[in-house]
Structures are given as C-alpha cells and as structure tokens.
Amino acid sequence: ADLQNALCARDQALQQVAELDKVLRERDDIARERDEAFTAMECALQDIQRAHDERDSAQLELAQAARERELAAREREQAKREYEQILSERDEAAKERDQAVMAREQAVSDADRAN
C-alpha cells in the first residue's frame, strides 16, 4: 500500500510537473509574442519618426522655395522699374536731341534768311 501510495504520489507530482511545463511554455510563447509585438511597434515608431522628419524637411524646403520665389519676384520688379527708368531717360534724351536738331535747323534757317 505504501508503494501504491508512493507511486500515486509520484504520478501526481509528474502530472503537476507536466502541467507546470505546459504553463511555462504558454508563458514563454506569450512573452515571445509580446517581444515580437514590441519590436514591431518600435519599428513602426521609427517609421513614423522618419516620416515626420521627412515631412519637416519637406516643409523647410517648401518654405525656402517660397522665400526664393518672393526674392525673385522682388528682383523682377526692381529690374522692371530700372528698365522703365532707362526707357524714360532714353525718351527724354530723344526729346532733347529732337529739340536741339530743331533749334539747329531754325538757326540755319535764320542764318540763311539773314544772308
């Protein structure tokens, strides 16, 4: 009977060990899945950070392009004003030249009449 009790106790102990092994394997599986999920989450966070960095970089590039476009527009307006000034000065010089030609012709005409 003692042997029977000892064998029964041993079988129960082995069954408990087997159940504990099963529970430990399940916990190991859960821990492994949790670690894999955590690693995937870290990768996703890195991807998100990269996307944010790229967006920030693109926004900076857009802002720089806008500043350059504004500067080019101001330079274009300045060049246009300078061109208009040159045209105005040229027109004024042409008027003065025409007046000088007319004055010379008048002087020649007056001299011809005086002779």
PDB file of N, CA and C in Angstrom:
ATOM      1  N   ALA A   1       0.837  -1.198   0.000  1.00  0.00           N
ATOM      2  CA  ALA A   1       0.000   0.000   0.000  1.00  0.00           C
ATOM      3  C   ALA A   1       0.867   1.242   0.000  1.00  0.00           C
ATOM      4  N   ASP A   2       1.975   1.177   0.777  1.00  0.00           N
ATOM      5  CA  ASP A   2       2.865   2.346   0.785  1.00  0.00           C
ATOM      6  C   ASP A   2       3.470   2.557  -0.600  1.00  0.00           C
ATOM      7  N   LEU A   3       3.786   1.447  -1.246  1.00  0.00           N
ATOM      8  CA  LEU A   3       4.342   1.538  -2.587  1.00  0.00           C
ATOM      9  C   LEU A   3       3.298   2.101  -3.540  1.00  0.00           C
ATOM     10  N   GLN A   4       2.078   1.641  -3.371  1.00  0.00           N
ATOM     11  CA  GLN A   4       0.978   2.137  -4.210  1.00  0.00           C
ATOM     12  C   GLN A   4       0.788   3.626  -3.973  1.00  0.00           C
ATOM     13  N   ASN A   5       0.808   4.058  -2.716  1.00  0.00           N
ATOM     14  CA  ASN A   5       0.656   5.486  -2.386  1.00  0.00           C
ATOM     15  C   ASN A   5       1.832   6.286  -2.945  1.00  0.00           C
ATOM     16  N   ALA A   6       3.014   5.737  -2.855  1.00  0.00           N
ATOM     17  CA  ALA A   6       4.199   6.428  -3.346  1.00  0.00           C
ATOM     18  C   ALA A   6       4.134   6.572  -4.865  1.00  0.00           C
ATOM     19  N   LEU A   7       3.664   5.483  -5.534  1.00  0.00           N
ATOM     20  CA  LEU A   7       3.536   5.545  -6.985  1.00  0.00           C
ATOM     21  C   LEU A   7       2.465   6.549  -7.394  1.00  0.00           C
ATOM     22  N   CYS A   8       1.391   6.583  -6.656  1.00  0.00           N
ATOM     23  CA  CYS A   8       0.296   7.524  -6.936  1.00  0.00           C
ATOM     24  C   CYS A   8       0.784   8.959  -6.729  1.00  0.00           C
ATOM     25  N   ALA A   9       1.526   9.163  -5.639  1.00  0.00           N
ATOM     26  CA  ALA A   9       2.066  10.497  -5.353  1.00  0.00           C
ATOM     27  C   ALA A   9       3.059  10.904  -6.442  1.00  0.00           C
ATOM     28  N   ARG A  10       3.869   9.939  -6.869  1.00  0.00           N
ATOM     29  CA  ARG A  10       4.845  10.231  -7.929  1.00  0.00           C
ATOM     30  C   ARG A  10       4.134  10.592  -9.221  1.00  0.00           C
ATOM     31  N   ASP A  11       3.075   9.846  -9.583  1.00  0.00           N
ATOM     32  CA  ASP A  11       2.312  10.138 -10.794  1.00  0.00           C
ATOM     33  C   ASP A  11       1.675  11.531 -10.725  1.00  0.00           C
ATOM     34  N   GLN A  12       1.142  11.857  -9.533  1.00  0.00           N
ATOM     35  CA  GLN A  12       0.538  13.186  -9.360  1.00  0.00           C
ATOM     36  C   GLN A  12       1.610  14.280  -9.498  1.00  0.00           C
ATOM     37  N   ALA A  13       2.763  14.034  -8.926  1.00  0.00           N
ATOM     38  CA  ALA A  13       3.855  15.006  -8.999  1.00  0.00           C
ATOM     39  C   ALA A  13       4.299  15.167 -10.461  1.00  0.00           C
ATOM     40  N   LEU A  14       4.404  14.043 -11.189  1.00  0.00           N
ATOM     41  CA  LEU A  14       4.791  14.119 -12.594  1.00  0.00           C
ATOM     42  C   LEU A  14       3.728  14.849 -13.419  1.00  0.00           C
ATOM     43  N   GLN A  15       2.475  14.610 -13.072  1.00  0.00           N
ATOM     44  CA  GLN A  15       1.392  15.291 -13.779  1.00  0.00           C
ATOM     45  C   GLN A  15       1.450  16.793 -13.493  1.00  0.00           C
ATOM     46  N   GLN A  16       1.725  17.160 -12.250  1.00  0.00           N
ATOM     47  CA  GLN A  16       1.847  18.578 -11.892  1.00  0.00           C
ATOM     48  C   GLN A  16       3.041  19.218 -12.615  1.00  0.00           C
ATOM     49  N   VAL A  17       4.147  18.466 -12.695  1.00  0.00           N
ATOM     50  CA  VAL A  17       5.327  18.968 -13.414  1.00  0.00           C
ATOM     51  C   VAL A  17       4.974  19.170 -14.875  1.00  0.00           C
ATOM     52  N   ALA A  18       4.241  18.221 -15.460  1.00  0.00           N
ATOM     53  CA  ALA A  18       3.856  18.336 -16.870  1.00  0.00           C
ATOM     54  C   ALA A  18       2.941  19.553 -17.069  1.00  0.00           C
ATOM     55  N   GLU A  19       1.999  19.733 -16.132  1.00  0.00           N
ATOM     56  CA  GLU A  19       1.104  20.891 -16.232  1.00  0.00           C
ATOM     57  C   GLU A  19       1.892  22.195 -16.083  1.00  0.00           C
ATOM     58  N   LEU A  20       2.846  22.226 -15.141  1.00  0.00           N
ATOM     59  CA  LEU A  20       3.685  23.413 -14.947  1.00  0.00           C
ATOM     60  C   LEU A  20       4.541  23.672 -16.199  1.00  0.00           C
ATOM     61  N   ASP A  21       5.079  22.602 -16.801  1.00  0.00           N
ATOM     62  CA  ASP A  21       5.843  22.755 -18.036  1.00  0.00           C
ATOM     63  C   ASP A  21       4.971  23.363 -19.146  1.00  0.00           C
ATOM     64  N   LYS A  22       3.727  22.883 -19.229  1.00  0.00           N
ATOM     65  CA  LYS A  22       2.797  23.395 -20.237  1.00  0.00           C
ATOM     66  C   LYS A  22       2.527  24.889 -19.997  1.00  0.00           C
ATOM     67  N   VAL A  23       2.283  25.234 -18.721  1.00  0.00           N
ATOM     68  CA  VAL A  23       2.025  26.639 -18.373  1.00  0.00           C
ATOM     69  C   VAL A  23       3.255  27.498 -18.692  1.00  0.00           C
ATOM     70  N   LEU A  24       4.448  26.981 -18.382  1.00  0.00           N
ATOM     71  CA  LEU A  24       5.680  27.736 -18.662  1.00  0.00           C
ATOM     72  C   LEU A  24       5.880  27.915 -20.159  1.00  0.00           C
ATOM     73  N   ARG A  25       5.587  26.885 -20.943  1.00  0.00           N
ATOM     74  CA  ARG A  25       5.705  27.007 -22.400  1.00  0.00           C
ATOM     75  C   ARG A  25       4.712  28.040 -22.942  1.00  0.00           C
ATOM     76  N   GLU A  26       3.493  28.025 -22.402  1.00  0.00           N
ATOM     77  CA  GLU A  26       2.494  29.007 -22.824  1.00  0.00           C
ATOM     78  C   GLU A  26       2.951  30.423 -22.463  1.00  0.00           C
ATOM     79  N   ARG A  27       3.513  30.568 -21.268  1.00  0.00           N
ATOM     80  CA  ARG A  27       4.020  31.890 -20.852  1.00  0.00           C
ATOM     81  C   ARG A  27       5.198  32.317 -21.718  1.00  0.00           C
ATOM     82  N   ASP A  28       6.060  31.351 -22.053  1.00  0.00           N
ATOM     83  CA  ASP A  28       7.181  31.661 -22.938  1.00  0.00           C
ATOM     84  C   ASP A  28       6.663  32.102 -24.313  1.00  0.00           C
ATOM     85  N   ASP A  29       5.639  31.389 -24.810  1.00  0.00           N
ATOM     86  CA  ASP A  29       5.046  31.772 -26.097  1.00  0.00           C
ATOM     87  C   ASP A  29       4.454  33.182 -26.024  1.00  0.00           C
ATOM     88  N   ILE A  30       3.752  33.473 -24.942  1.00  0.00           N
ATOM     89  CA  ILE A  30       3.157  34.804 -24.757  1.00  0.00           C
ATOM     90  C   ILE A  30       4.257  35.868 -24.680  1.00  0.00           C
ATOM     91  N   ALA A  31       5.324  35.567 -23.937  1.00  0.00           N
ATOM     92  CA  ALA A  31       6.432  36.514 -23.806  1.00  0.00           C
ATOM     93  C   ALA A  31       7.099  36.748 -25.156  1.00  0.00           C
ATOM     94  N   ARG A  32       7.272  35.675 -25.926  1.00  0.00           N
ATOM     95  CA  ARG A  32       7.882  35.793 -27.248  1.00  0.00           C
ATOM     96  C   ARG A  32       6.984  36.641 -28.167  1.00  0.00           C
ATOM     97  N   GLU A  33       5.673  36.378 -28.147  1.00  0.00           N
ATOM     98  CA  GLU A  33       4.738  37.158 -28.961  1.00  0.00           C
ATOM     99  C   GLU A  33       4.738  38.629 -28.527  1.00  0.00           C
ATOM    100  N   ARG A  34       4.815  38.849 -27.210  1.00  0.00           N
ATOM    101  CA  ARG A  34       4.860  40.214 -26.693  1.00  0.00           C
ATOM    102  C   ARG A  34       6.143  40.910 -27.159  1.00  0.00           C
ATOM    103  N   ASP A  35       7.269  40.193 -27.104  1.00  0.00           N
ATOM    104  CA  ASP A  35       8.537  40.763 -27.565  1.00  0.00           C
ATOM    105  C   ASP A  35       8.487  41.081 -29.060  1.00  0.00           C
ATOM    106  N   GLU A  36       7.892  40.170 -29.839  1.00  0.00           N
ATOM    107  CA  GLU A  36       7.765  40.407 -31.272  1.00  0.00           C
ATOM    108  C   GLU A  36       6.874  41.614 -31.544  1.00  0.00           C
ATOM    109  N   ALA A  37       5.777  41.721 -30.804  1.00  0.00           N
ATOM    110  CA  ALA A  37       4.872  42.860 -30.961  1.00  0.00           C
ATOM    111  C   ALA A  37       5.584  44.152 -30.567  1.00  0.00           C
ATOM    112  N   PHE A  38       6.363  44.102 -29.503  1.00  0.00           N
ATOM    113  CA  PHE A  38       7.103  45.278 -29.053  1.00  0.00           C
ATOM    114  C   PHE A  38       8.124  45.697 -30.109  1.00  0.00           C
ATOM    115  N   THR A  39       8.821  44.713 -30.680  1.00  0.00           N
ATOM    116  CA  THR A  39       9.799  45.013 -31.735  1.00  0.00           C
ATOM    117  C   THR A  39       9.093  45.621 -32.946  1.00  0.00           C
ATOM    118  N   ALA A  40       7.955  45.064 -33.320  1.00  0.00           N
ATOM    119  CA  ALA A  40       7.194  45.605 -34.449  1.00  0.00           C
ATOM    120  C   ALA A  40       6.735  47.025 -34.150  1.00  0.00           C
ATOM    121  N   MET A  41       6.326  47.260 -32.905  1.00  0.00           N
ATOM    122  CA  MET A  41       5.893  48.596 -32.511  1.00  0.00           C
ATOM    123  C   MET A  41       7.064  49.577 -32.571  1.00  0.00           C
ATOM    124  N   GLU A  42       8.243  49.151 -32.115  1.00  0.00           N
ATOM    125  CA  GLU A  42       9.419  50.016 -32.191  1.00  0.00           C
ATOM    126  C   GLU A  42       9.746  50.353 -33.649  1.00  0.00           C
ATOM    127  N   CYS A  43       9.651  49.368 -34.528  1.00  0.00           N
ATOM    128  CA  CYS A  43       9.901  49.614 -35.956  1.00  0.00           C
ATOM    129  C   CYS A  43       8.871  50.596 -36.515  1.00  0.00           C
ATOM    130  N   ALA A  44       7.617  50.403 -36.129  1.00  0.00           N
ATOM    131  CA  ALA A  44       6.573  51.312 -36.594  1.00  0.00           C
ATOM    132  C   ALA A  44       6.825  52.729 -36.084  1.00  0.00           C
ATOM    133  N   LEU A  45       7.240  52.858 -34.829  1.00  0.00           N
ATOM    134  CA  LEU A  45       7.541  54.183 -34.280  1.00  0.00           C
ATOM    135  C   LEU A  45       8.713  54.823 -35.013  1.00  0.00           C
ATOM    136  N   GLN A  46       9.715  54.029 -35.364  1.00  0.00           N
ATOM    137  CA  GLN A  46      10.845  54.560 -36.132  1.00  0.00           C
ATOM    138  C   GLN A  46      10.383  55.013 -37.519  1.00  0.00           C
ATOM    139  N   ASP A  47       9.509  54.221 -38.133  1.00  0.00           N
ATOM    140  CA  ASP A  47       8.970  54.607 -39.438  1.00  0.00           C
ATOM    141  C   ASP A  47       8.185  55.913 -39.327  1.00  0.00           C
ATOM    142  N   ILE A  48       7.402  56.033 -38.267  1.00  0.00           N
ATOM    143  CA  ILE A  48       6.630  57.262 -38.048  1.00  0.00           C
ATOM    144  C   ILE A  48       7.569  58.444 -37.845  1.00  0.00           C
ATOM    145  N   GLN A  49       8.619  58.245 -37.060  1.00  0.00           N
ATOM    146  CA  GLN A  49       9.580  59.322 -36.818  1.00  0.00           C
ATOM    147  C   GLN A  49      10.271  59.734 -38.126  1.00  0.00           C
ATOM    148  N   ARG A  50      10.635  58.731 -38.942  1.00  0.00           N
ATOM    149  CA  ARG A  50      11.246  59.038 -40.239  1.00  0.00           C
ATOM    150  C   ARG A  50      10.280  59.835 -41.108  1.00  0.00           C
ATOM    151  N   ALA A  51       9.021  59.420 -41.100  1.00  0.00           N
ATOM    152  CA  ALA A  51       8.013  60.134 -41.899  1.00  0.00           C
ATOM    153  C   ALA A  51       7.865  61.570 -41.402  1.00  0.00           C
ATOM    154  N   HIS A  52       7.869  61.758 -40.083  1.00  0.00           N
ATOM    155  CA  HIS A  52       7.778  63.116 -39.524  1.00  0.00           C
ATOM    156  C   HIS A  52       9.003  63.936 -39.933  1.00  0.00           C
ATOM    157  N   ASP A  53      10.180  63.313 -39.854  1.00  0.00           N
ATOM    158  CA  ASP A  53      11.407  64.020 -40.235  1.00  0.00           C
ATOM    159  C   ASP A  53      11.364  64.412 -41.706  1.00  0.00           C
ATOM    160  N   GLU A  54      10.904  63.493 -42.554  1.00  0.00           N
ATOM    161  CA  GLU A  54      10.808  63.790 -43.977  1.00  0.00           C
ATOM    162  C   GLU A  54       9.798  64.901 -44.230  1.00  0.00           C
ATOM    163  N   ARG A  55       8.679  64.862 -43.498  1.00  0.00           N
ATOM    164  CA  ARG A  55       7.669  65.921 -43.644  1.00  0.00           C
ATOM    165  C   ARG A  55       8.253  67.262 -43.217  1.00  0.00           C
ATOM    166  N   ASP A  56       8.957  67.269 -42.073  1.00  0.00           N
ATOM    167  CA  ASP A  56       9.569  68.509 -41.591  1.00  0.00           C
ATOM    168  C   ASP A  56      10.575  69.038 -42.602  1.00  0.00           C
ATOM    169  N   SER A  57      11.368  68.137 -43.162  1.00  0.00           N
ATOM    170  CA  SER A  57      12.362  68.530 -44.160  1.00  0.00           C
ATOM    171  C   SER A  57      11.668  69.106 -45.399  1.00  0.00           C
ATOM    172  N   ALA A  58      10.598  68.457 -45.832  1.00  0.00           N
ATOM    173  CA  ALA A  58       9.861  68.945 -47.000  1.00  0.00           C
ATOM    174  C   ALA A  58       9.250  70.318 -46.717  1.00  0.00           C
ATOM    175  N   GLN A  59       8.746  70.520 -45.497  1.00  0.00           N
ATOM    176  CA  GLN A  59       8.182  71.824 -45.145  1.00  0.00           C
ATOM    177  C   GLN A  59       9.264  72.900 -45.164  1.00  0.00           C
ATOM    178  N   LEU A  60      10.453  72.556 -44.676  1.00  0.00           N
ATOM    179  CA  LEU A  60      11.557  73.519 -44.711  1.00  0.00           C
ATOM    180  C   LEU A  60      11.931  73.851 -46.151  1.00  0.00           C
ATOM    181  N   GLU A  61      11.973  72.825 -47.001  1.00  0.00           N
ATOM    182  CA  GLU A  61      12.291  73.052 -48.410  1.00  0.00           C
ATOM    183  C   GLU A  61      11.228  73.914 -49.080  1.00  0.00           C
ATOM    184  N   LEU A  62       9.962  73.674 -48.754  1.00  0.00           N
ATOM    185  CA  LEU A  62       8.883  74.489 -49.314  1.00  0.00           C
ATOM    186  C   LEU A  62       9.004  75.937 -48.856  1.00  0.00           C
ATOM    187  N   ALA A  63       9.300  76.119 -47.582  1.00  0.00           N
ATOM    188  CA  ALA A  63       9.454  77.480 -47.057  1.00  0.00           C
ATOM    189  C   ALA A  63      10.623  78.179 -47.748  1.00  0.00           C
ATOM    190  N   GLN A  64      11.718  77.456 -47.936  1.00  0.00           N
ATOM    191  CA  GLN A  64      12.885  78.039 -48.627  1.00  0.00           C
ATOM    192  C   GLN A  64      12.524  78.397 -50.062  1.00  0.00           C
ATOM    193  N   ALA A  65      11.809  77.502 -50.738  1.00  0.00           N
ATOM    194  CA  ALA A  65      11.400  77.768 -52.120  1.00  0.00           C
ATOM    195  C   ALA A  65      10.481  78.995 -52.170  1.00  0.00           C
ATOM    196  N   ALA A  66       9.596  79.140 -51.203  1.00  0.00           N
ATOM    197  CA  ALA A  66       8.704  80.302 -51.165  1.00  0.00           C
ATOM    198  C   ALA A  66       9.510  81.580 -50.972  1.00  0.00           C
ATOM    199  N   ARG A  67      10.508  81.537 -50.066  1.00  0.00           N
ATOM    200  CA  ARG A  67      11.357  82.717 -49.864  1.00  0.00           C
ATOM    201  C   ARG A  67      12.112  83.063 -51.142  1.00  0.00           C
ATOM    202  N   GLU A  68      12.645  82.048 -51.803  1.00  0.00           N
ATOM    203  CA  GLU A  68      13.383  82.277 -53.046  1.00  0.00           C
ATOM    204  C   GLU A  68      12.463  82.835 -54.129  1.00  0.00           C
ATOM    205  N   ARG A  69      11.224  82.336 -54.189  1.00  0.00           N
ATOM    206  CA  ARG A  69      10.253  82.824 -55.163  1.00  0.00           C
ATOM    207  C   ARG A  69       9.919  84.286 -54.887  1.00  0.00           C
ATOM    208  N   GLU A  70       9.730  84.632 -53.603  1.00  0.00           N
ATOM    209  CA  GLU A  70       9.449  86.019 -53.240  1.00  0.00           C
ATOM    210  C   GLU A  70      10.625  86.924 -53.590  1.00  0.00           C
ATOM    211  N   LEU A  71      11.832  86.459 -53.315  1.00  0.00           N
ATOM    212  CA  LEU A  71      13.016  87.242 -53.643  1.00  0.00           C
ATOM    213  C   LEU A  71      13.112  87.448 -55.155  1.00  0.00           C
ATOM    214  N   ALA A  72      12.871  86.396 -55.919  1.00  0.00           N
ATOM    215  CA  ALA A  72      12.915  86.503 -57.378  1.00  0.00           C
ATOM    216  C   ALA A  72      11.855  87.494 -57.870  1.00  0.00           C
ATOM    217  N   ALA A  73      10.683  87.478 -57.265  1.00  0.00           N
ATOM    218  CA  ALA A  73       9.622  88.415 -57.665  1.00  0.00           C
ATOM    219  C   ALA A  73      10.044  89.852 -57.365  1.00  0.00           C
ATOM    220  N   ARG A  74      10.659  90.084 -56.197  1.00  0.00           N
ATOM    221  CA  ARG A  74      11.132  91.429 -55.858  1.00  0.00           C
ATOM    222  C   ARG A  74      12.232  91.866 -56.827  1.00  0.00           C
ATOM    223  N   GLU A  75      13.151  90.949 -57.134  1.00  0.00           N
ATOM    224  CA  GLU A  75      14.224  91.275 -58.082  1.00  0.00           C
ATOM    225  C   GLU A  75      13.654  91.575 -59.463  1.00  0.00           C
ATOM    226  N   ARG A  76      12.640  90.824 -59.868  1.00  0.00           N
ATOM    227  CA  ARG A  76      11.999  91.041 -61.164  1.00  0.00           C
ATOM    228  C   ARG A  76      11.323  92.420 -61.187  1.00  0.00           C
ATOM    229  N   GLU A  77      10.640  92.777 -60.099  1.00  0.00           N
ATOM    230  CA  GLU A  77      10.000  94.091 -60.012  1.00  0.00           C
ATOM    231  C   GLU A  77      11.040  95.209 -60.053  1.00  0.00           C
ATOM    232  N   GLN A  78      12.155  95.012 -59.342  1.00  0.00           N
ATOM    233  CA  GLN A  78      13.228  96.008 -59.352  1.00  0.00           C
ATOM    234  C   GLN A  78      13.798  96.164 -60.755  1.00  0.00           C
ATOM    235  N   ALA A  79      14.038  95.048 -61.435  1.00  0.00           N
ATOM    236  CA  ALA A  79      14.562  95.097 -62.802  1.00  0.00           C
ATOM    237  C   ALA A  79      13.571  95.802 -63.721  1.00  0.00           C
ATOM    238  N   LYS A  80      12.278  95.552 -63.510  1.00  0.00           N
ATOM    239  CA  LYS A  80      11.254  96.192 -64.336  1.00  0.00           C
ATOM    240  C   LYS A  80      11.269  97.710 -64.109  1.00  0.00           C
ATOM    241  N   ARG A  81      11.377  98.141 -62.845  1.00  0.00           N
ATOM    242  CA  ARG A  81      11.441  99.574 -62.551  1.00  0.00           C
ATOM    243  C   ARG A  81      12.684 100.206 -63.187  1.00  0.00           C
ATOM    244  N   GLU A  82      13.824  99.503 -63.072  1.00  0.00           N
ATOM    245  CA  GLU A  82      15.059 100.022 -63.674  1.00  0.00           C
ATOM    246  C   GLU A  82      14.931 100.113 -65.186  1.00  0.00           C
ATOM    247  N   TYR A  83      14.309  99.125 -65.808  1.00  0.00           N
ATOM    248  CA  TYR A  83      14.116  99.135 -67.260  1.00  0.00           C
ATOM    249  C   TYR A  83      13.214 100.302 -67.660  1.00  0.00           C
ATOM    250  N   GLU A  84      12.132 100.500 -66.892  1.00  0.00           N
ATOM    251  CA  GLU A  84      11.221 101.608 -67.186  1.00  0.00           C
ATOM    252  C   GLU A  84      11.934 102.947 -67.011  1.00  0.00           C
ATOM    253  N   GLN A  85      12.805 103.057 -66.025  1.00  0.00           N
ATOM    254  CA  GLN A  85      13.583 104.275 -65.818  1.00  0.00           C
ATOM    255  C   GLN A  85      14.506 104.522 -67.007  1.00  0.00           C
ATOM    256  N   ILE A  86      15.162 103.460 -67.475  1.00  0.00           N
ATOM    257  CA  ILE A  86      16.053 103.589 -68.638  1.00  0.00           C
ATOM    258  C   ILE A  86      15.258 104.038 -69.862  1.00  0.00           C
ATOM    259  N   LEU A  87      14.069 103.442 -70.058  1.00  0.00           N
ATOM    260  CA  LEU A  87      13.239 103.847 -71.195  1.00  0.00           C
ATOM    261  C   LEU A  87      12.836 105.315 -71.079  1.00  0.00           C
ATOM    262  N   SER A  88      12.476 105.720 -69.881  1.00  0.00           N
ATOM    263  CA  SER A  88      12.082 107.112 -69.653  1.00  0.00           C
ATOM    264  C   SER A  88      13.241 108.051 -69.943  1.00  0.00           C
ATOM    265  N   GLU A  89      14.450 107.700 -69.459  1.00  0.00           N
ATOM    266  CA  GLU A  89      15.629 108.532 -69.713  1.00  0.00           C
ATOM    267  C   GLU A  89      15.954 108.568 -71.205  1.00  0.00           C
ATOM    268  N   ARG A  90      15.781 107.455 -71.885  1.00  0.00           N
ATOM    269  CA  ARG A  90      16.042 107.406 -73.324  1.00  0.00           C
ATOM    270  C   ARG A  90      15.061 108.304 -74.076  1.00  0.00           C
ATOM    271  N   ASP A  91      13.774 108.231 -73.651  1.00  0.00           N
ATOM    272  CA  ASP A  91      12.766 109.078 -74.291  1.00  0.00           C
ATOM    273  C   ASP A  91      13.081 110.554 -74.058  1.00  0.00           C
ATOM    274  N   GLU A  92      13.503 110.888 -72.839  1.00  0.00           N
ATOM    275  CA  GLU A  92      13.860 112.273 -72.513  1.00  0.00           C
ATOM    276  C   GLU A  92      15.055 112.721 -73.356  1.00  0.00           C
ATOM    277  N   ALA A  93      16.057 111.864 -73.481  1.00  0.00           N
ATOM    278  CA  ALA A  93      17.226 112.196 -74.296  1.00  0.00           C
ATOM    279  C   ALA A  93      16.827 112.377 -75.759  1.00  0.00           C
ATOM    280  N   ALA A  94      15.909 111.548 -76.239  1.00  0.00           N
ATOM    281  CA  ALA A  94      15.446 111.672 -77.624  1.00  0.00           C
ATOM    282  C   ALA A  94      14.721 113.002 -77.822  1.00  0.00           C
ATOM    283  N   LYS A  95      13.912 113.407 -76.853  1.00  0.00           N
ATOM    284  CA  LYS A  95      13.215 114.699 -76.940  1.00  0.00           C
ATOM    285  C   LYS A  95      14.228 115.841 -76.971  1.00  0.00           C
ATOM    286  N   GLU A  96      15.227 115.783 -76.103  1.00  0.00           N
ATOM    287  CA  GLU A  96      16.253 116.830 -76.065  1.00  0.00           C
ATOM    288  C   GLU A  96      17.017 116.881 -77.385  1.00  0.00           C
ATOM    289  N   ARG A  97      17.323 115.714 -77.943  1.00  0.00           N
ATOM    290  CA  ARG A  97      18.027 115.667 -79.215  1.00  0.00           C
ATOM    291  C   ARG A  97      17.162 116.276 -80.320  1.00  0.00           C
ATOM    292  N   ASP A  98      15.858 115.904 -80.319  1.00  0.00           N
ATOM    293  CA  ASP A  98      14.953 116.460 -81.321  1.00  0.00           C
ATOM    294  C   ASP A  98      14.869 117.976 -81.194  1.00  0.00           C
ATOM    295  N   GLN A  99      14.827 118.476 -79.941  1.00  0.00           N
ATOM    296  CA  GLN A  99      14.781 119.928 -79.725  1.00  0.00           C
ATOM    297  C   GLN A  99      16.068 120.581 -80.209  1.00  0.00           C
ATOM    298  N   ALA A 100      17.206 119.950 -79.975  1.00  0.00           N
ATOM    299  CA  ALA A 100      18.482 120.501 -80.431  1.00  0.00           C
ATOM    300  C   ALA A 100      18.540 120.520 -81.947  1.00  0.00           C
ATOM    301  N   VAL A 101      18.046 119.468 -82.597  1.00  0.00           N
ATOM    302  CA  VAL A 101      18.023 119.408 -84.058  1.00  0.00           C
ATOM    303  C   VAL A 101      17.134 120.524 -84.594  1.00  0.00           C
ATOM    304  N   MET A 102      15.964 120.671 -83.974  1.00  0.00           N
ATOM    305  CA  MET A 102      15.041 121.726 -84.428  1.00  0.00           C
ATOM    306  C   MET A 102      15.664 123.107 -84.218  1.00  0.00           C
ATOM    307  N   ALA A 103      16.344 123.297 -83.086  1.00  0.00           N
ATOM    308  CA  ALA A 103      16.996 124.587 -82.823  1.00  0.00           C
ATOM    309  C   ALA A 103      18.093 124.843 -83.847  1.00  0.00           C
ATOM    310  N   ARG A 104      18.869 123.815 -84.193  1.00  0.00           N
ATOM    311  CA  ARG A 104      19.930 123.965 -85.191  1.00  0.00           C
ATOM    312  C   ARG A 104      19.328 124.306 -86.552  1.00  0.00           C
ATOM    313  N   GLU A 105      18.274 123.588 -86.912  1.00  0.00           N
ATOM    314  CA  GLU A 105      17.616 123.858 -88.195  1.00  0.00           C
ATOM    315  C   GLU A 105      17.058 125.280 -88.226  1.00  0.00           C
ATOM    316  N   GLN A 106      16.505 125.693 -87.090  1.00  0.00           N
ATOM    317  CA  GLN A 106      15.975 127.055 -87.011  1.00  0.00           C
ATOM    318  C   GLN A 106      17.114 128.064 -87.154  1.00  0.00           C
ATOM    319  N   ALA A 107      18.261 127.774 -86.492  1.00  0.00           N
ATOM    320  CA  ALA A 107      19.411 128.674 -86.578  1.00  0.00           C
ATOM    321  C   ALA A 107      19.931 128.737 -88.003  1.00  0.00           C
ATOM    322  N   VAL A 108      19.991 127.580 -88.695  1.00  0.00           N
ATOM    323  CA  VAL A 108      20.441 127.548 -90.090  1.00  0.00           C
ATOM    324  C   VAL A 108      19.466 128.343 -90.950  1.00  0.00           C
ATOM    325  N   SER A 109      18.181 128.153 -90.714  1.00  0.00           N
ATOM    326  CA  SER A 109      17.163 128.861 -91.476  1.00  0.00           C
ATOM    327  C   SER A 109      17.256 130.377 -91.250  1.00  0.00           C
ATOM    328  N   ASP A 110      17.453 130.736 -89.956  1.00  0.00           N
ATOM    329  CA  ASP A 110      17.589 132.165 -89.629  1.00  0.00           C
ATOM    330  C   ASP A 110      18.838 132.744 -90.296  1.00  0.00           C
ATOM    331  N   ALA A 111      19.941 131.981 -90.300  1.00  0.00           N
ATOM    332  CA  ALA A 111      21.189 132.447 -90.909  1.00  0.00           C
ATOM    333  C   ALA A 111      21.013 132.590 -92.412  1.00  0.00           C
ATOM    334  N   ASP A 112      20.309 131.654 -93.040  1.00  0.00           N
ATOM    335  CA  ASP A 112      20.070 131.727 -94.490  1.00  0.00           C
ATOM    336  C   ASP A 112      19.237 132.967 -94.811  1.00  0.00           C
ATOM    337  N   ARG A 113      18.270 133.262 -93.998  1.00  0.00           N
ATOM    338  CA  ARG A 113      17.412 134.435 -94.238  1.00  0.00           C
ATOM    339  C   ARG A 113      18.189 135.731 -93.999  1.00  0.00           C
ATOM    340  N   ALA A 114      19.112 135.678 -93.047  1.00  0.00           N
ATOM    341  CA  ALA A 114      19.902 136.883 -92.739  1.00  0.00           C
ATOM    342  C   ALA A 114      20.880 137.181 -93.851  1.00  0.00           C
ATOM    343  N   ASN A 115      21.299 136.178 -94.585  1.00  0.00           N
ATOM    344  CA  ASN A 115      22.258 136.391 -95.666  1.00  0.00           C
ATOM    345  C   ASN A 115      21.487 136.763 -96.864  1.00  0.00           C
TER     346      ASN A 115
END
